[in-house]
Amino acid sequence: MFTTALAQRENTQLGELPLDLFAAIQSLKKELNAVILAHYYQEPDIQDIADFIGDSLQLARAAEKTNADAIVFAGVHFMAETAKILNPDKLVLLPDLNAGCSLADSCPADEFAAFKAAHPNHLVVSYINCSADIKAMSDIICTSSNAVKIVQQIPKEQPIIFAPDRNLGRYVMEQTGRDLVLWQGSCVVHETFSEKKIVQLKIAHPEAEAIAHPECESSVLRHASFIGSTAALLKYCQNSPTKEFIVATEPGIIHQMQKLAPDKHFIPAPPMNNCACNECPFMRLNTLEKLYWAMKNRTPEITMAEDIRLAALRPMQRMLEMSV
């Protein structure tokens, strides 16, 4: 845990913060009978206080299995929605309601409904990085961990729409040999990595392995010795004899990589411009302070219409069944 988190924090409009935020959050967790779920892309302080850290599939499974009365989801909006879909009777809190997702936003429900209508008889496989409305229009949900496995289980004669990420869809097509109809959405973070700068890094670090998330563009993936979900990248780094890695995904994962493989060196893949564009601006909206206030005030709470929840639940359940 960062020592700065144990010191006096700034006051906010919500009131005076406790001296020890970590202790205060642990106390609120007992009071609420809450579980804190955090994505790998969250800031290190949040990762350190979370009960469970994972990628989208791991977090969905954790949300499904929890016996807690409240779920505090340190991630982005669609992730907290997923927890609510699976746990309608639990209080689901998101530290900042503005923590959205550029990929989810790239697939508006009305436009996707028209797209789906234009491709009758197609099965809809949607990446979990989408809104509850898109999940409700889908037949099966997938994550970057299981997308290939799920598509491989669908009969070859069945035409498929894959949404919303075109880069993950293209990767699935390459891995399965299937011809998918792709919705043209993308993640601003994973599209910002520079192929030129990665090549330059590989020249400067000839012993380093480049590893990448399949949401990256194909120009980046071609330089990766391993491609996988955030959880798969983490496991690969632990097990590989290589001591240096160039990591082409949101750099929040490097905190866990360094904790689990302290003898190794991790280099975040640089964006095209001299900016922090390889950091997800939505994930970083959540802070330890906001997490504390969310638990103390029981808000912002994630809610949704029951008909949407039930429609979105079915493809989520199919994913979990097909991922065993």
C-alpha atoms as a PDB file:
ATOM      1  CA  MET A   1       0.000   0.000   0.000  1.00  0.00           C
ATOM      2  CA  PHE A   2       1.231   3.476  -0.800  1.00  0.00           C
ATOM      3  CA  THR A   3       2.221   5.456   2.292  1.00  0.00           C
ATOM      4  CA  THR A   4       0.586   8.564   0.806  1.00  0.00           C
ATOM      5  CA  ALA A   5      -2.760   6.837   1.226  1.00  0.00           C
ATOM      6  CA  LEU A   6      -2.131   6.588   4.960  1.00  0.00           C
ATOM      7  CA  ALA A   7      -1.575  10.317   5.337  1.00  0.00           C
ATOM      8  CA  GLN A   8      -4.082  13.145   5.547  1.00  0.00           C
ATOM      9  CA  ARG A   9      -5.836  13.550   2.197  1.00  0.00           C
ATOM     10  CA  GLU A  10      -7.342  16.678   0.746  1.00  0.00           C
ATOM     11  CA  ASN A  11     -10.804  17.709   1.834  1.00  0.00           C
ATOM     12  CA  THR A  12     -13.534  17.262  -0.758  1.00  0.00           C
ATOM     13  CA  GLN A  13     -16.962  18.771  -1.249  1.00  0.00           C
ATOM     14  CA  LEU A  14     -18.362  15.641   0.406  1.00  0.00           C
ATOM     15  CA  GLY A  15     -16.691  16.326   3.752  1.00  0.00           C
ATOM     16  CA  GLU A  16     -13.597  15.558   5.754  1.00  0.00           C
ATOM     17  CA  LEU A  17     -11.664  12.477   4.756  1.00  0.00           C
ATOM     18  CA  PRO A  18     -10.361  10.114   7.456  1.00  0.00           C
ATOM     19  CA  LEU A  19      -6.643  10.074   8.205  1.00  0.00           C
ATOM     20  CA  ASP A  20      -6.311   6.439   7.190  1.00  0.00           C
ATOM     21  CA  LEU A  21      -8.410   5.742   4.111  1.00  0.00           C
ATOM     22  CA  PHE A  22      -7.407   2.097   3.967  1.00  0.00           C
ATOM     23  CA  ALA A  23      -8.623   1.453   7.506  1.00  0.00           C
ATOM     24  CA  ALA A  24     -11.808   3.464   6.933  1.00  0.00           C
ATOM     25  CA  ILE A  25     -12.632   1.474   3.789  1.00  0.00           C
ATOM     26  CA  GLN A  26     -12.016  -1.821   5.587  1.00  0.00           C
ATOM     27  CA  SER A  27     -14.412  -0.690   8.334  1.00  0.00           C
ATOM     28  CA  LEU A  28     -17.093   0.283   5.797  1.00  0.00           C
ATOM     29  CA  LYS A  29     -16.611  -3.046   4.047  1.00  0.00           C
ATOM     30  CA  LYS A  30     -17.531  -4.888   7.245  1.00  0.00           C
ATOM     31  CA  GLU A  31     -20.452  -2.546   7.914  1.00  0.00           C
ATOM     32  CA  LEU A  32     -21.891  -3.098   4.419  1.00  0.00           C
ATOM     33  CA  ASN A  33     -20.838  -6.746   4.131  1.00  0.00           C
ATOM     34  CA  ALA A  34     -19.281  -5.597   0.881  1.00  0.00           C
ATOM     35  CA  VAL A  35     -16.768  -7.020  -1.545  1.00  0.00           C
ATOM     36  CA  ILE A  36     -14.462  -4.750  -3.555  1.00  0.00           C
ATOM     37  CA  LEU A  37     -13.821  -5.924  -7.113  1.00  0.00           C
ATOM     38  CA  ALA A  38     -11.148  -4.121  -9.118  1.00  0.00           C
ATOM     39  CA  HIS A  39      -9.925  -4.359 -12.681  1.00  0.00           C
ATOM     40  CA  TYR A  40      -6.209  -4.614 -13.418  1.00  0.00           C
ATOM     41  CA  TYR A  41      -6.318  -1.137 -14.969  1.00  0.00           C
ATOM     42  CA  GLN A  42      -7.212   0.618 -11.706  1.00  0.00           C
ATOM     43  CA  GLU A  43      -4.721   2.771  -9.813  1.00  0.00           C
ATOM     44  CA  PRO A  44      -2.336   0.828  -7.524  1.00  0.00           C
ATOM     45  CA  ASP A  45      -3.981   1.955  -4.253  1.00  0.00           C
ATOM     46  CA  ILE A  46      -7.328   0.543  -5.372  1.00  0.00           C
ATOM     47  CA  GLN A  47      -5.738  -2.693  -6.541  1.00  0.00           C
ATOM     48  CA  ASP A  48      -4.052  -3.052  -3.163  1.00  0.00           C
ATOM     49  CA  ILE A  49      -7.276  -2.696  -1.164  1.00  0.00           C
ATOM     50  CA  ALA A  50      -9.474  -4.811  -3.464  1.00  0.00           C
ATOM     51  CA  ASP A  51     -10.714  -8.238  -2.378  1.00  0.00           C
ATOM     52  CA  PHE A  52     -10.415  -9.500  -5.925  1.00  0.00           C
ATOM     53  CA  ILE A  53      -8.476  -8.199  -8.935  1.00  0.00           C
ATOM     54  CA  GLY A  54      -9.061  -9.564 -12.400  1.00  0.00           C
ATOM     55  CA  ASP A  55      -9.947  -9.132 -16.046  1.00  0.00           C
ATOM     56  CA  SER A  56     -13.522  -8.961 -17.290  1.00  0.00           C
ATOM     57  CA  LEU A  57     -14.138 -12.738 -17.232  1.00  0.00           C
ATOM     58  CA  GLN A  58     -12.584 -13.209 -13.802  1.00  0.00           C
ATOM     59  CA  LEU A  59     -14.574 -10.277 -12.402  1.00  0.00           C
ATOM     60  CA  ALA A  60     -17.826 -11.593 -13.907  1.00  0.00           C
ATOM     61  CA  ARG A  61     -17.222 -14.949 -12.243  1.00  0.00           C
ATOM     62  CA  ALA A  62     -16.354 -13.279  -8.939  1.00  0.00           C
ATOM     63  CA  ALA A  63     -19.516 -11.155  -9.111  1.00  0.00           C
ATOM     64  CA  GLU A  64     -21.608 -14.248  -9.835  1.00  0.00           C
ATOM     65  CA  LYS A  65     -20.202 -16.190  -6.882  1.00  0.00           C
ATOM     66  CA  THR A  66     -20.024 -13.541  -4.164  1.00  0.00           C
ATOM     67  CA  ASN A  67     -22.064 -13.890  -0.979  1.00  0.00           C
ATOM     68  CA  ALA A  68     -21.611 -10.227  -0.091  1.00  0.00           C
ATOM     69  CA  ASP A  69     -24.607  -7.905   0.275  1.00  0.00           C
ATOM     70  CA  ALA A  70     -22.879  -5.109  -1.633  1.00  0.00           C
ATOM     71  CA  ILE A  71     -20.472  -5.049  -4.563  1.00  0.00           C
ATOM     72  CA  VAL A  72     -18.160  -2.063  -4.914  1.00  0.00           C
ATOM     73  CA  PHE A  73     -16.915  -2.210  -8.470  1.00  0.00           C
ATOM     74  CA  ALA A  74     -13.687  -0.371  -9.128  1.00  0.00           C
ATOM     75  CA  GLY A  75     -13.770  -0.439 -12.896  1.00  0.00           C
ATOM     76  CA  VAL A  76     -15.907   1.152 -15.584  1.00  0.00           C
ATOM     77  CA  HIS A  77     -19.661   1.416 -16.019  1.00  0.00           C
ATOM     78  CA  PHE A  78     -20.268  -1.686 -18.150  1.00  0.00           C
ATOM     79  CA  MET A  79     -18.415  -3.808 -15.577  1.00  0.00           C
ATOM     80  CA  ALA A  80     -20.599  -2.573 -12.735  1.00  0.00           C
ATOM     81  CA  GLU A  81     -23.650  -3.151 -14.957  1.00  0.00           C
ATOM     82  CA  THR A  82     -22.476  -6.726 -15.485  1.00  0.00           C
ATOM     83  CA  ALA A  83     -22.306  -7.223 -11.716  1.00  0.00           C
ATOM     84  CA  LYS A  84     -25.854  -5.872 -11.382  1.00  0.00           C
ATOM     85  CA  ILE A  85     -27.117  -8.136 -14.173  1.00  0.00           C
ATOM     86  CA  LEU A  86     -25.783 -11.127 -12.256  1.00  0.00           C
ATOM     87  CA  ASN A  87     -26.826  -9.825  -8.805  1.00  0.00           C
ATOM     88  CA  PRO A  88     -30.170  -8.001  -9.031  1.00  0.00           C
ATOM     89  CA  ASP A  89     -30.784  -8.037  -5.275  1.00  0.00           C
ATOM     90  CA  LYS A  90     -27.381  -6.693  -4.271  1.00  0.00           C
ATOM     91  CA  LEU A  91     -26.294  -3.084  -3.864  1.00  0.00           C
ATOM     92  CA  VAL A  92     -23.799  -2.372  -6.684  1.00  0.00           C
ATOM     93  CA  LEU A  93     -21.711   0.780  -6.338  1.00  0.00           C
ATOM     94  CA  LEU A  94     -19.387   2.459  -8.847  1.00  0.00           C
ATOM     95  CA  PRO A  95     -17.044   5.116  -7.390  1.00  0.00           C
ATOM     96  CA  ASP A  96     -17.538   7.469 -10.371  1.00  0.00           C
ATOM     97  CA  LEU A  97     -20.545   7.205 -12.701  1.00  0.00           C
ATOM     98  CA  ASN A  98     -18.548   9.015 -15.389  1.00  0.00           C
ATOM     99  CA  ALA A  99     -16.176   6.046 -15.605  1.00  0.00           C
ATOM    100  CA  GLY A 100     -17.484   4.935 -18.971  1.00  0.00           C
ATOM    101  CA  CYS A 101     -15.789   3.153 -21.873  1.00  0.00           C
ATOM    102  CA  SER A 102     -14.901   4.452 -25.334  1.00  0.00           C
ATOM    103  CA  LEU A 103     -15.500   0.986 -26.789  1.00  0.00           C
ATOM    104  CA  ALA A 104     -18.954   0.659 -25.225  1.00  0.00           C
ATOM    105  CA  ASP A 105     -19.783   4.207 -26.358  1.00  0.00           C
ATOM    106  CA  SER A 106     -18.813   3.307 -29.945  1.00  0.00           C
ATOM    107  CA  CYS A 107     -21.840   0.999 -30.159  1.00  0.00           C
ATOM    108  CA  PRO A 108     -25.090   2.973 -29.606  1.00  0.00           C
ATOM    109  CA  ALA A 109     -28.086   0.715 -28.989  1.00  0.00           C
ATOM    110  CA  ASP A 110     -30.322   2.202 -31.703  1.00  0.00           C
ATOM    111  CA  GLU A 111     -27.632   1.944 -34.374  1.00  0.00           C
ATOM    112  CA  PHE A 112     -26.752  -1.601 -33.371  1.00  0.00           C
ATOM    113  CA  ALA A 113     -30.422  -2.618 -33.474  1.00  0.00           C
ATOM    114  CA  ALA A 114     -30.563  -1.446 -37.102  1.00  0.00           C
ATOM    115  CA  PHE A 115     -27.277  -3.233 -37.864  1.00  0.00           C
ATOM    116  CA  LYS A 116     -28.625  -6.457 -36.383  1.00  0.00           C
ATOM    117  CA  ALA A 117     -31.870  -6.133 -38.368  1.00  0.00           C
ATOM    118  CA  ALA A 118     -29.827  -5.772 -41.560  1.00  0.00           C
ATOM    119  CA  HIS A 119     -28.218  -9.169 -40.887  1.00  0.00           C
ATOM    120  CA  PRO A 120     -31.091 -11.571 -40.172  1.00  0.00           C
ATOM    121  CA  ASN A 121     -30.309 -15.121 -39.070  1.00  0.00           C
ATOM    122  CA  HIS A 122     -26.976 -14.018 -37.617  1.00  0.00           C
ATOM    123  CA  LEU A 123     -26.003 -15.053 -34.106  1.00  0.00           C
ATOM    124  CA  VAL A 124     -24.784 -12.051 -32.106  1.00  0.00           C
ATOM    125  CA  VAL A 125     -21.596 -12.548 -30.077  1.00  0.00           C
ATOM    126  CA  SER A 126     -20.794  -9.393 -28.124  1.00  0.00           C
ATOM    127  CA  TYR A 127     -17.629  -8.564 -26.255  1.00  0.00           C
ATOM    128  CA  ILE A 128     -18.411  -7.877 -22.607  1.00  0.00           C
ATOM    129  CA  ASN A 129     -17.125  -4.302 -23.092  1.00  0.00           C
ATOM    130  CA  CYS A 130     -20.576  -3.094 -24.108  1.00  0.00           C
ATOM    131  CA  SER A 131     -23.663  -1.609 -22.474  1.00  0.00           C
ATOM    132  CA  ALA A 132     -26.489  -3.604 -20.905  1.00  0.00           C
ATOM    133  CA  ASP A 133     -28.657  -2.602 -23.885  1.00  0.00           C
ATOM    134  CA  ILE A 134     -26.214  -4.264 -26.313  1.00  0.00           C
ATOM    135  CA  LYS A 135     -25.929  -7.328 -24.109  1.00  0.00           C
ATOM    136  CA  ALA A 136     -29.738  -7.562 -24.170  1.00  0.00           C
ATOM    137  CA  MET A 137     -29.622  -7.732 -27.993  1.00  0.00           C
ATOM    138  CA  SER A 138     -26.922 -10.428 -27.973  1.00  0.00           C
ATOM    139  CA  ASP A 139     -27.037 -14.215 -28.029  1.00  0.00           C
ATOM    140  CA  ILE A 140     -23.700 -14.840 -26.304  1.00  0.00           C
ATOM    141  CA  ILE A 141     -21.297 -12.562 -24.441  1.00  0.00           C
ATOM    142  CA  CYS A 142     -17.546 -13.135 -24.585  1.00  0.00           C
ATOM    143  CA  THR A 143     -14.370 -11.640 -23.157  1.00  0.00           C
ATOM    144  CA  SER A 144     -10.885 -11.394 -24.598  1.00  0.00           C
ATOM    145  CA  SER A 145     -10.080 -14.501 -22.510  1.00  0.00           C
ATOM    146  CA  ASN A 146     -12.719 -16.713 -24.095  1.00  0.00           C
ATOM    147  CA  ALA A 147     -13.756 -15.117 -27.414  1.00  0.00           C
ATOM    148  CA  VAL A 148     -11.879 -17.646 -29.552  1.00  0.00           C
ATOM    149  CA  LYS A 149     -13.119 -20.587 -27.474  1.00  0.00           C
ATOM    150  CA  ILE A 150     -16.748 -19.435 -27.712  1.00  0.00           C
ATOM    151  CA  VAL A 151     -16.704 -18.835 -31.481  1.00  0.00           C
ATOM    152  CA  GLN A 152     -15.108 -22.258 -31.974  1.00  0.00           C
ATOM    153  CA  GLN A 153     -18.122 -23.838 -30.250  1.00  0.00           C
ATOM    154  CA  ILE A 154     -20.619 -22.283 -32.681  1.00  0.00           C
ATOM    155  CA  PRO A 155     -21.498 -24.420 -35.744  1.00  0.00           C
ATOM    156  CA  LYS A 156     -19.528 -23.316 -38.807  1.00  0.00           C
ATOM    157  CA  GLU A 157     -22.668 -22.887 -40.893  1.00  0.00           C
ATOM    158  CA  GLN A 158     -24.059 -20.335 -38.415  1.00  0.00           C
ATOM    159  CA  PRO A 159     -23.309 -16.734 -39.523  1.00  0.00           C
ATOM    160  CA  ILE A 160     -22.101 -14.486 -36.711  1.00  0.00           C
ATOM    161  CA  ILE A 161     -22.142 -10.786 -35.910  1.00  0.00           C
ATOM    162  CA  PHE A 162     -19.248  -9.848 -33.618  1.00  0.00           C
ATOM    163  CA  ALA A 163     -19.502  -6.594 -31.683  1.00  0.00           C
ATOM    164  CA  PRO A 164     -18.370  -4.066 -30.707  1.00  0.00           C
ATOM    165  CA  ASP A 165     -14.562  -4.333 -31.046  1.00  0.00           C
ATOM    166  CA  ARG A 166     -13.317  -4.730 -34.604  1.00  0.00           C
ATOM    167  CA  ASN A 167      -9.736  -5.474 -33.530  1.00  0.00           C
ATOM    168  CA  LEU A 168     -10.719  -8.313 -31.209  1.00  0.00           C
ATOM    169  CA  GLY A 169     -13.135  -9.523 -33.895  1.00  0.00           C
ATOM    170  CA  ARG A 170     -10.370  -9.527 -36.492  1.00  0.00           C
ATOM    171  CA  TYR A 171      -8.113 -11.475 -34.116  1.00  0.00           C
ATOM    172  CA  VAL A 172     -10.877 -14.042 -33.513  1.00  0.00           C
ATOM    173  CA  MET A 173     -11.315 -14.431 -37.280  1.00  0.00           C
ATOM    174  CA  GLU A 174      -7.592 -15.124 -37.688  1.00  0.00           C
ATOM    175  CA  GLN A 175      -7.558 -17.659 -34.862  1.00  0.00           C
ATOM    176  CA  THR A 176     -10.719 -19.528 -35.866  1.00  0.00           C
ATOM    177  CA  GLY A 177     -10.822 -19.143 -39.644  1.00  0.00           C
ATOM    178  CA  ARG A 178     -14.407 -17.909 -39.329  1.00  0.00           C
ATOM    179  CA  ASP A 179     -15.853 -15.070 -41.410  1.00  0.00           C
ATOM    180  CA  LEU A 180     -17.466 -12.698 -38.911  1.00  0.00           C
ATOM    181  CA  VAL A 181     -19.559  -9.607 -39.586  1.00  0.00           C
ATOM    182  CA  LEU A 182     -17.796  -6.961 -37.503  1.00  0.00           C
ATOM    183  CA  TRP A 183     -19.251  -3.899 -35.825  1.00  0.00           C
ATOM    184  CA  GLN A 184     -16.655  -1.157 -36.326  1.00  0.00           C
ATOM    185  CA  GLY A 185     -16.016  -0.162 -32.721  1.00  0.00           C
ATOM    186  CA  SER A 186     -12.682   0.225 -30.955  1.00  0.00           C
ATOM    187  CA  CYS A 187     -10.927   1.144 -27.703  1.00  0.00           C
ATOM    188  CA  VAL A 188      -9.102   4.486 -27.818  1.00  0.00           C
ATOM    189  CA  VAL A 189      -6.386   3.178 -25.507  1.00  0.00           C
ATOM    190  CA  HIS A 190      -5.565   0.011 -27.442  1.00  0.00           C
ATOM    191  CA  GLU A 191      -5.607   1.849 -30.779  1.00  0.00           C
ATOM    192  CA  THR A 192      -3.111   4.444 -29.594  1.00  0.00           C
ATOM    193  CA  PHE A 193      -0.022   2.238 -29.423  1.00  0.00           C
ATOM    194  CA  SER A 194       2.650   3.124 -31.959  1.00  0.00           C
ATOM    195  CA  GLU A 195       4.036   0.320 -34.105  1.00  0.00           C
ATOM    196  CA  LYS A 196       7.094   2.443 -34.897  1.00  0.00           C
ATOM    197  CA  LYS A 197       7.867   3.101 -31.216  1.00  0.00           C
ATOM    198  CA  ILE A 198       7.394  -0.568 -30.307  1.00  0.00           C
ATOM    199  CA  VAL A 199       9.890  -1.553 -33.028  1.00  0.00           C
ATOM    200  CA  GLN A 200      12.296   1.069 -31.678  1.00  0.00           C
ATOM    201  CA  LEU A 201      11.879  -0.346 -28.165  1.00  0.00           C
ATOM    202  CA  LYS A 202      12.561  -3.870 -29.417  1.00  0.00           C
ATOM    203  CA  ILE A 203      15.792  -2.632 -31.031  1.00  0.00           C
ATOM    204  CA  ALA A 204      16.792  -0.839 -27.816  1.00  0.00           C
ATOM    205  CA  HIS A 205      15.866  -3.895 -25.715  1.00  0.00           C
ATOM    206  CA  PRO A 206      16.777  -6.906 -27.886  1.00  0.00           C
ATOM    207  CA  GLU A 207      16.173  -9.394 -25.053  1.00  0.00           C
ATOM    208  CA  ALA A 208      12.661  -8.100 -24.341  1.00  0.00           C
ATOM    209  CA  GLU A 209       9.478  -9.861 -25.423  1.00  0.00           C
ATOM    210  CA  ALA A 210       6.592  -7.770 -26.734  1.00  0.00           C
ATOM    211  CA  ILE A 211       3.225  -8.928 -25.391  1.00  0.00           C
ATOM    212  CA  ALA A 212      -0.131  -7.463 -26.392  1.00  0.00           C
ATOM    213  CA  HIS A 213      -3.865  -7.443 -25.755  1.00  0.00           C
ATOM    214  CA  PRO A 214      -5.972  -8.553 -28.766  1.00  0.00           C
ATOM    215  CA  GLU A 215      -7.817  -5.198 -28.754  1.00  0.00           C
ATOM    216  CA  CYS A 216      -4.635  -3.715 -30.250  1.00  0.00           C
ATOM    217  CA  GLU A 217      -4.449  -3.124 -33.991  1.00  0.00           C
ATOM    218  CA  SER A 218      -2.963  -5.869 -36.165  1.00  0.00           C
ATOM    219  CA  SER A 219       0.094  -3.687 -36.901  1.00  0.00           C
ATOM    220  CA  VAL A 220       0.970  -3.929 -33.190  1.00  0.00           C
ATOM    221  CA  LEU A 221      -0.032  -7.574 -32.734  1.00  0.00           C
ATOM    222  CA  ARG A 222       2.361  -8.710 -35.446  1.00  0.00           C
ATOM    223  CA  HIS A 223       5.289  -7.710 -33.237  1.00  0.00           C
ATOM    224  CA  ALA A 224       4.016  -9.571 -30.157  1.00  0.00           C
ATOM    225  CA  SER A 225       5.419 -12.938 -29.141  1.00  0.00           C
ATOM    226  CA  PHE A 226       2.316 -13.475 -26.995  1.00  0.00           C
ATOM    227  CA  ILE A 227      -1.250 -12.144 -27.371  1.00  0.00           C
ATOM    228  CA  GLY A 228      -3.833 -12.535 -24.629  1.00  0.00           C
ATOM    229  CA  SER A 229      -6.258 -11.027 -22.146  1.00  0.00           C
ATOM    230  CA  THR A 230      -4.935  -9.012 -19.215  1.00  0.00           C
ATOM    231  CA  ALA A 231      -5.072 -12.112 -17.012  1.00  0.00           C
ATOM    232  CA  ALA A 232      -3.304 -14.196 -19.669  1.00  0.00           C
ATOM    233  CA  LEU A 233      -0.593 -11.550 -20.090  1.00  0.00           C
ATOM    234  CA  LEU A 234      -0.027 -11.546 -16.343  1.00  0.00           C
ATOM    235  CA  LYS A 235       0.264 -15.327 -16.187  1.00  0.00           C
ATOM    236  CA  TYR A 236       2.565 -15.422 -19.198  1.00  0.00           C
ATOM    237  CA  CYS A 237       4.986 -12.944 -17.618  1.00  0.00           C
ATOM    238  CA  GLN A 238       5.129 -15.008 -14.445  1.00  0.00           C
ATOM    239  CA  ASN A 239       5.865 -18.257 -16.275  1.00  0.00           C
ATOM    240  CA  SER A 240       8.156 -17.033 -19.049  1.00  0.00           C
ATOM    241  CA  PRO A 241      11.924 -17.267 -18.502  1.00  0.00           C
ATOM    242  CA  THR A 242      12.238 -13.871 -20.186  1.00  0.00           C
ATOM    243  CA  LYS A 243      13.274 -11.084 -17.816  1.00  0.00           C
ATOM    244  CA  GLU A 244      12.078  -8.046 -19.795  1.00  0.00           C
ATOM    245  CA  PHE A 245       8.732  -7.309 -21.440  1.00  0.00           C
ATOM    246  CA  ILE A 246       7.239  -4.570 -23.605  1.00  0.00           C
ATOM    247  CA  VAL A 247       3.595  -4.455 -22.528  1.00  0.00           C
ATOM    248  CA  ALA A 248       1.006  -3.305 -25.097  1.00  0.00           C
ATOM    249  CA  THR A 249      -2.087  -2.832 -22.978  1.00  0.00           C
ATOM    250  CA  GLU A 250      -3.257  -0.337 -20.358  1.00  0.00           C
ATOM    251  CA  PRO A 251      -0.247   0.099 -18.041  1.00  0.00           C
ATOM    252  CA  GLY A 252      -2.271  -0.404 -14.841  1.00  0.00           C
ATOM    253  CA  ILE A 253      -1.575  -4.135 -15.231  1.00  0.00           C
ATOM    254  CA  ILE A 254       2.139  -3.503 -14.675  1.00  0.00           C
ATOM    255  CA  HIS A 255       1.498  -2.950 -10.962  1.00  0.00           C
ATOM    256  CA  GLN A 256       0.424  -6.590 -10.625  1.00  0.00           C
ATOM    257  CA  MET A 257       3.169  -7.802 -12.967  1.00  0.00           C
ATOM    258  CA  GLN A 258       5.811  -6.176 -10.797  1.00  0.00           C
ATOM    259  CA  LYS A 259       4.265  -7.591  -7.615  1.00  0.00           C
ATOM    260  CA  LEU A 260       4.111 -11.139  -8.977  1.00  0.00           C
ATOM    261  CA  ALA A 261       7.432 -11.061 -10.851  1.00  0.00           C
ATOM    262  CA  PRO A 262       9.609  -8.553  -8.956  1.00  0.00           C
ATOM    263  CA  ASP A 263      12.782  -9.793 -10.636  1.00  0.00           C
ATOM    264  CA  LYS A 264      11.520  -8.780 -14.093  1.00  0.00           C
ATOM    265  CA  HIS A 265      11.400  -5.468 -15.951  1.00  0.00           C
ATOM    266  CA  PHE A 266       8.200  -4.213 -17.605  1.00  0.00           C
ATOM    267  CA  ILE A 267       8.164  -1.453 -20.200  1.00  0.00           C
ATOM    268  CA  PRO A 268       4.793   0.136 -21.071  1.00  0.00           C
ATOM    269  CA  ALA A 269       4.294   0.322 -24.839  1.00  0.00           C
ATOM    270  CA  PRO A 270       4.296   4.005 -25.815  1.00  0.00           C
ATOM    271  CA  PRO A 271       1.422   5.791 -27.585  1.00  0.00           C
ATOM    272  CA  MET A 272       1.802   7.541 -30.934  1.00  0.00           C
ATOM    273  CA  ASN A 273       2.036  10.989 -29.349  1.00  0.00           C
ATOM    274  CA  ASN A 274       3.948  12.241 -26.334  1.00  0.00           C
ATOM    275  CA  CYS A 275       0.995  11.897 -23.999  1.00  0.00           C
ATOM    276  CA  ALA A 276      -0.476   9.565 -21.396  1.00  0.00           C
ATOM    277  CA  CYS A 277      -2.917   8.225 -23.998  1.00  0.00           C
ATOM    278  CA  ASN A 278      -1.979   4.634 -23.165  1.00  0.00           C
ATOM    279  CA  GLU A 279      -3.722   5.158 -19.799  1.00  0.00           C
ATOM    280  CA  CYS A 280      -7.499   4.701 -19.850  1.00  0.00           C
ATOM    281  CA  PRO A 281      -8.981   8.083 -18.843  1.00  0.00           C
ATOM    282  CA  PHE A 282     -12.187   6.374 -17.691  1.00  0.00           C
ATOM    283  CA  MET A 283     -10.518   3.759 -15.476  1.00  0.00           C
ATOM    284  CA  ARG A 284      -8.454   6.501 -13.855  1.00  0.00           C
ATOM    285  CA  LEU A 285     -11.558   8.464 -12.825  1.00  0.00           C
ATOM    286  CA  ASN A 286     -11.932   6.087  -9.889  1.00  0.00           C
ATOM    287  CA  THR A 287      -9.811   7.028  -6.891  1.00  0.00           C
ATOM    288  CA  LEU A 288      -9.415   5.723  -3.379  1.00  0.00           C
ATOM    289  CA  GLU A 289     -11.241   8.809  -2.100  1.00  0.00           C
ATOM    290  CA  LYS A 290     -14.207   8.255  -4.413  1.00  0.00           C
ATOM    291  CA  LEU A 291     -14.331   4.596  -3.426  1.00  0.00           C
ATOM    292  CA  TYR A 292     -14.535   5.628   0.231  1.00  0.00           C
ATOM    293  CA  TRP A 293     -17.340   8.144  -0.389  1.00  0.00           C
ATOM    294  CA  ALA A 294     -19.284   5.646  -2.508  1.00  0.00           C
ATOM    295  CA  MET A 295     -19.234   3.144   0.348  1.00  0.00           C
ATOM    296  CA  LYS A 296     -19.983   5.707   3.031  1.00  0.00           C
ATOM    297  CA  ASN A 297     -22.923   7.277   1.156  1.00  0.00           C
ATOM    298  CA  ARG A 298     -24.138   4.112  -0.661  1.00  0.00           C
ATOM    299  CA  THR A 299     -24.019   5.977  -3.952  1.00  0.00           C
ATOM    300  CA  PRO A 300     -23.554   6.090  -6.982  1.00  0.00           C
ATOM    301  CA  GLU A 301     -25.659   2.953  -7.278  1.00  0.00           C
ATOM    302  CA  ILE A 302     -26.053   0.974 -10.502  1.00  0.00           C
ATOM    303  CA  THR A 303     -29.675   0.283 -11.447  1.00  0.00           C
ATOM    304  CA  MET A 304     -31.439  -0.866 -14.604  1.00  0.00           C
ATOM    305  CA  ALA A 305     -34.850  -1.872 -15.895  1.00  0.00           C
ATOM    306  CA  GLU A 306     -35.686  -5.495 -15.077  1.00  0.00           C
ATOM    307  CA  ASP A 307     -36.593  -6.382 -18.675  1.00  0.00           C
ATOM    308  CA  ILE A 308     -33.166  -5.210 -19.868  1.00  0.00           C
ATOM    309  CA  ARG A 309     -31.451  -7.050 -17.024  1.00  0.00           C
ATOM    310  CA  LEU A 310     -33.210 -10.337 -17.803  1.00  0.00           C
ATOM    311  CA  ALA A 311     -32.519 -10.030 -21.527  1.00  0.00           C
ATOM    312  CA  ALA A 312     -28.841  -9.283 -20.814  1.00  0.00           C
ATOM    313  CA  LEU A 313     -28.601 -12.101 -18.269  1.00  0.00           C
ATOM    314  CA  ARG A 314     -29.269 -14.885 -20.782  1.00  0.00           C
ATOM    315  CA  PRO A 315     -26.207 -14.252 -23.011  1.00  0.00           C
ATOM    316  CA  MET A 316     -24.094 -13.711 -19.885  1.00  0.00           C
ATOM    317  CA  GLN A 317     -25.149 -17.105 -18.563  1.00  0.00           C
ATOM    318  CA  ARG A 318     -24.363 -18.704 -21.917  1.00  0.00           C
ATOM    319  CA  MET A 319     -20.880 -17.242 -21.755  1.00  0.00           C
ATOM    320  CA  LEU A 320     -20.259 -18.604 -18.274  1.00  0.00           C
ATOM    321  CA  GLU A 321     -21.586 -22.036 -19.309  1.00  0.00           C
ATOM    322  CA  MET A 322     -19.397 -22.103 -22.426  1.00  0.00           C
ATOM    323  CA  SER A 323     -16.287 -20.959 -20.531  1.00  0.00           C
ATOM    324  CA  VAL A 324     -16.112 -23.831 -18.056  1.00  0.00           C
END
